[in-house]
Structure formats: structure tokens, C-alpha cells
Protein backbone atom coordinates (compact mmCIF):
# COMPACT_ATOMS: atom_id res chain seq x y z
CA MET A 1 -12.09 11.90 -15.66
CA LEU A 2 -11.81 8.19 -16.44
CA VAL A 3 -15.10 7.54 -14.67
CA VAL A 4 -16.89 10.30 -16.59
CA ILE A 5 -15.63 8.97 -19.94
CA ALA A 6 -16.69 5.42 -19.01
CA LEU A 7 -20.16 6.65 -18.00
CA ARG A 8 -20.58 8.53 -21.29
CA ILE A 9 -19.57 5.46 -23.29
CA ALA A 10 -22.01 3.32 -21.30
CA SER A 11 -24.91 5.72 -21.84
CA ASN A 12 -24.26 5.85 -25.62
CA LEU A 13 -23.99 2.08 -25.88
CA SER A 14 -27.17 1.54 -23.89
CA TYR A 15 -29.18 3.38 -26.56
CA LYS A 16 -27.38 2.05 -29.63
CA SER A 17 -26.63 -1.54 -28.64
CA LYS A 18 -29.30 -4.18 -29.05
CA LYS A 19 -27.30 -6.82 -27.26
CA PHE A 20 -28.49 -6.80 -23.65
CA ARG A 21 -25.73 -9.14 -22.47
CA PHE A 22 -22.99 -6.81 -23.73
CA LYS A 23 -24.65 -3.84 -22.03
CA SER A 24 -24.91 -5.77 -18.75
CA ILE A 25 -21.24 -6.82 -18.83
CA LEU A 26 -20.17 -3.27 -19.65
CA ASN A 27 -22.26 -1.80 -16.81
CA ASN A 28 -20.85 -4.31 -14.32
CA SER A 29 -17.31 -3.46 -15.43
CA ILE A 30 -18.01 0.25 -15.05
CA ASN A 31 -19.47 -0.29 -11.57
CA LEU A 32 -16.29 -2.11 -10.53
CA LEU A 33 -14.18 0.68 -12.00
CA ILE A 34 -16.22 3.35 -10.21
CA ASN A 35 -16.03 1.52 -6.86
CA SER A 36 -12.26 1.09 -7.02
CA GLU A 37 -11.74 4.65 -8.21
CA SER A 38 -14.04 6.16 -5.55
CA LEU A 39 -11.81 4.93 -2.71
CA ASN A 40 -8.77 6.65 -4.23
CA PHE A 41 -10.89 9.69 -5.05
CA ASN A 42 -12.04 10.02 -1.40
CA LEU A 43 -8.46 9.77 -0.13
CA ASN A 44 -7.36 12.40 -2.65
CA ILE A 45 -10.14 14.74 -1.51
CA LEU A 46 -9.01 14.38 2.12
CA GLN A 47 -5.41 15.15 1.20
CA LYS A 48 -6.38 18.21 -0.85
CA LYS A 49 -8.47 19.38 2.09
CA ALA A 50 -5.46 18.93 4.42
CA ASN A 51 -3.45 21.36 2.31
CA LYS A 52 -6.00 24.09 3.07
CA ILE A 53 -6.39 23.43 6.81
CA ASN A 54 -4.63 25.53 9.43
CA PHE A 55 -3.43 22.89 11.94
CA ILE A 56 -2.98 24.59 15.33
CA CYS A 57 -0.79 22.41 17.51
CA SER A 58 -1.21 24.05 20.90
CA HIS A 59 -2.30 20.80 22.57
CA SER A 60 -5.35 21.32 24.79
CA SER A 61 -7.20 18.50 26.55
CA ASP A 62 -10.03 20.99 27.24
CA LEU A 63 -11.03 20.71 23.56
CA GLY A 64 -11.72 16.99 23.53
CA ASN A 65 -10.67 13.50 24.34
CA VAL A 66 -10.29 10.05 22.86
CA ASP A 67 -12.14 7.90 25.38
CA SER A 68 -11.37 4.53 23.84
CA ILE A 69 -9.62 2.65 21.08
CA ASN A 70 -11.45 -0.57 20.17
CA GLN A 71 -13.45 -0.27 23.39
CA SER A 72 -10.30 -0.14 25.54
CA GLU A 73 -9.37 2.89 27.59
CA ILE A 74 -6.13 4.58 26.55
CA LYS A 75 -3.70 4.10 29.44
CA ASN A 76 -0.37 4.63 27.65
CA SER A 77 0.77 6.81 24.81
CA VAL A 78 1.53 3.65 22.74
CA PHE A 79 -1.36 1.34 21.92
CA GLU A 80 -0.66 -2.09 20.37
CA LEU A 81 -2.93 -3.57 17.69
CA VAL A 82 -2.97 -6.40 15.18
CA GLU A 83 -1.83 -5.45 11.67
CA ASN A 84 -4.74 -4.57 9.29
CA GLN A 85 -7.23 -4.51 12.17
CA GLU A 86 -10.08 -1.99 12.11
CA ILE A 87 -9.59 0.77 14.65
CA VAL A 88 -12.63 2.30 16.34
CA LEU A 89 -12.12 5.53 18.29
CA THR A 90 -14.71 7.23 20.49
CA GLY A 91 -14.59 10.58 22.26
CA TRP A 92 -15.87 14.11 22.43
CA ALA A 93 -14.81 17.47 20.97
CA ILE A 94 -15.53 21.18 21.36
CA ASN A 95 -14.07 24.29 19.72
CA PRO A 96 -11.80 26.88 21.37
CA ASP A 97 -14.60 29.46 21.15
CA LYS A 98 -16.55 27.09 23.46
CA SER A 99 -19.04 26.08 20.76
CA LYS A 100 -19.75 22.41 20.08
CA GLY A 101 -17.20 20.89 17.75
CA LYS A 102 -18.35 20.34 14.18
CA LYS A 103 -15.94 17.65 13.00
CA VAL A 104 -13.04 15.57 14.24
CA LEU A 105 -10.03 14.79 12.06
CA ILE A 106 -7.50 12.07 12.68
CA THR A 107 -4.08 12.50 11.12
CA MET A 108 -1.05 10.27 10.86
CA GLY A 109 2.60 11.25 11.15
CA ASP A 110 4.25 14.63 11.57
CA ASP A 111 2.96 15.91 8.22
CA ASN A 112 -0.71 15.64 9.37
CA LYS A 113 -1.81 13.25 6.64
CA ILE A 114 -5.59 13.03 7.12
CA VAL A 115 -6.71 9.46 7.68
CA LYS A 116 -10.38 10.02 8.45
CA GLU A 117 -12.92 12.64 9.50
CA THR A 118 -16.27 12.39 11.22
CA GLN A 119 -19.13 14.56 12.44
CA VAL A 120 -19.44 15.54 16.10
CA ASN A 121 -23.06 14.69 16.87
CA LEU A 122 -23.36 11.81 19.35
CA PRO A 123 -24.98 12.26 22.80
CA ARG A 124 -22.52 13.17 25.59
CA PRO A 125 -24.51 14.42 28.59
CA ASP A 126 -21.43 13.82 30.79
CA VAL A 127 -19.50 16.48 28.84
CA ALA A 128 -22.41 18.94 29.08
CA ASP A 129 -22.59 18.31 32.85
CA TYR A 130 -18.83 18.63 33.37
CA PHE A 131 -18.64 21.99 31.56
CA SER A 132 -22.11 23.08 32.78
CA ASN A 133 -23.02 23.88 29.19
CA PRO A 134 -26.05 22.30 27.45
CA ILE A 135 -24.51 23.10 24.02
CA TYR A 136 -22.24 20.09 24.55
CA LEU A 137 -25.08 17.54 24.87
CA ASN A 138 -24.20 16.16 21.40
CA SER A 139 -20.44 16.67 21.48
CA GLY A 140 -19.58 12.98 21.03
CA TRP A 141 -18.08 11.26 18.02
CA LEU A 142 -17.15 7.80 16.75
CA LEU A 143 -14.65 7.11 14.00
CA SER A 144 -13.36 3.89 12.44
CA PHE A 145 -10.66 3.12 9.90
CA ILE A 146 -8.16 0.45 8.88
CA PRO A 147 -4.63 1.87 8.75
CA THR A 148 -2.23 0.61 6.10
CA ILE A 149 0.81 0.15 8.29
CA ASN A 150 3.20 -2.81 8.39
CA ALA A 151 3.83 -4.65 11.63
CA SER A 152 7.58 -4.16 11.22
CA GLN A 153 7.36 -0.37 11.45
CA ASP A 154 8.07 1.64 14.58
CA PRO A 155 5.07 3.07 16.46
CA VAL A 156 3.19 5.56 14.29
CA LYS A 157 1.99 8.93 15.59
CA PHE A 158 -1.71 9.74 15.33
CA ARG A 159 -3.26 13.07 16.22
CA VAL A 160 -6.88 13.94 16.85
CA TRP A 161 -8.18 17.42 16.05
CA SER A 162 -11.34 19.44 16.62
CA TYR A 163 -12.02 20.87 13.16
CA ASP A 164 -14.18 23.79 12.10
CA PRO A 165 -14.84 23.51 8.34
CA ILE A 166 -15.98 27.15 8.15
CA THR A 167 -12.77 28.68 9.52
CA LYS A 168 -10.62 25.78 8.17
CA GLU A 169 -8.90 25.54 11.56
CA ALA A 170 -8.07 22.29 13.33
CA TYR A 171 -7.08 22.27 17.01
CA LEU A 172 -5.03 19.41 18.44
CA PHE A 173 -6.48 17.74 21.52
CA LYS A 174 -4.95 14.24 21.58
CA GLU A 175 -1.79 12.55 20.37
CA PHE A 176 -1.00 8.85 20.66
CA TYR A 177 1.07 6.15 18.97
CA LEU A 178 -0.08 2.86 17.46
CA LYS A 179 2.27 -0.11 17.22
CA PHE A 180 1.17 -2.98 14.99
CA HIS A 181 2.08 -6.64 15.25
CA GLU A 182 1.19 -9.68 13.16
CA SER A 183 -1.79 -11.76 14.27
């Protein structure tokens, strides 16, 4: 609402004001306001979406995998990272009905707070070969985010889900913990 009001004020001033400098300063201020508000707006949209999703926790590794975190293979259930470091996950996902996955969600904690979502559309011929199903040729995904977690906290649970936006169902296929330390 604040953004809409600011945009309306800017459009009225642009027609009525003859002082170009004032208009330029106002537009730059509005752009900063919009950029800072859009980050919060996107997070709010993800959380509202989470309230409507049916999270199905019957863990199944047949629905997908996280192949790597920051280009390192996951060998343990706890992965250590530097505080405020970008995390890049790669993997593949399919749906329980054996169709190609549409999206992947990553959640944090036991309350399934959505951290990020991404499309499933990267080439994965190895998955298609393994399942002998050409539908899975583009079942890969890549997702990156910077978690806001303090180094002093205990390891934090992350879950990865194959998500179908049509049925609003998310199926758990991977769970791991991240422990953060100072650089």
C-alpha cells in the first residue's frame, strides 16, 4: 500500500512540478523504497503460500535428491558453513505420480518456513536413464539463498520438497542440518 501511494504521489508531481531536480530526487527515493519493500513483500508472499500448502512428510528419496551444497557432496546430515555465506543447492525432483517435478521448495525448521523456491527444469539425463523415463530429462534444479542464522545457534533443520503448485502438495525428499560458524 505504501508503494502504491508513493507511486501515485510521484506521478502527480511529475506532471505538476516544473523543478526537474526535485522530481529526480523524489523518483530515486521511491526506487529505494520500492527495492527495500520488494524484498519483504517477496518473503511475505512465500509465507502466505506456505499456509496454503499441504506438506506431506512421508520422506521418500525416490522423489528427489540434493546432490550438492556449495559444490560439495552431502556426506553427513550436518553441513558446516560460514555465517552469512550464500548457499547453492543442486539436485533433481519428481512427483509421486511419476511426473516431472514442477518446483522445489526449501524450508527451515519444524514449522516449514519457506526459505526459497525454484523451478525444476535443468537437464538431468542421468535421472531419466536411472528411472528409464524420458520425462525426467529436465528434472534438475538449482537454488541459492543466504540464510539469516547466527553462528552461535545450534544446527538448523532444512527440508527439501517436490512441490506441485496445482495440487498445492509438497512431498519431502531430503532433510539436512546446517551449522554456521564465524569466518
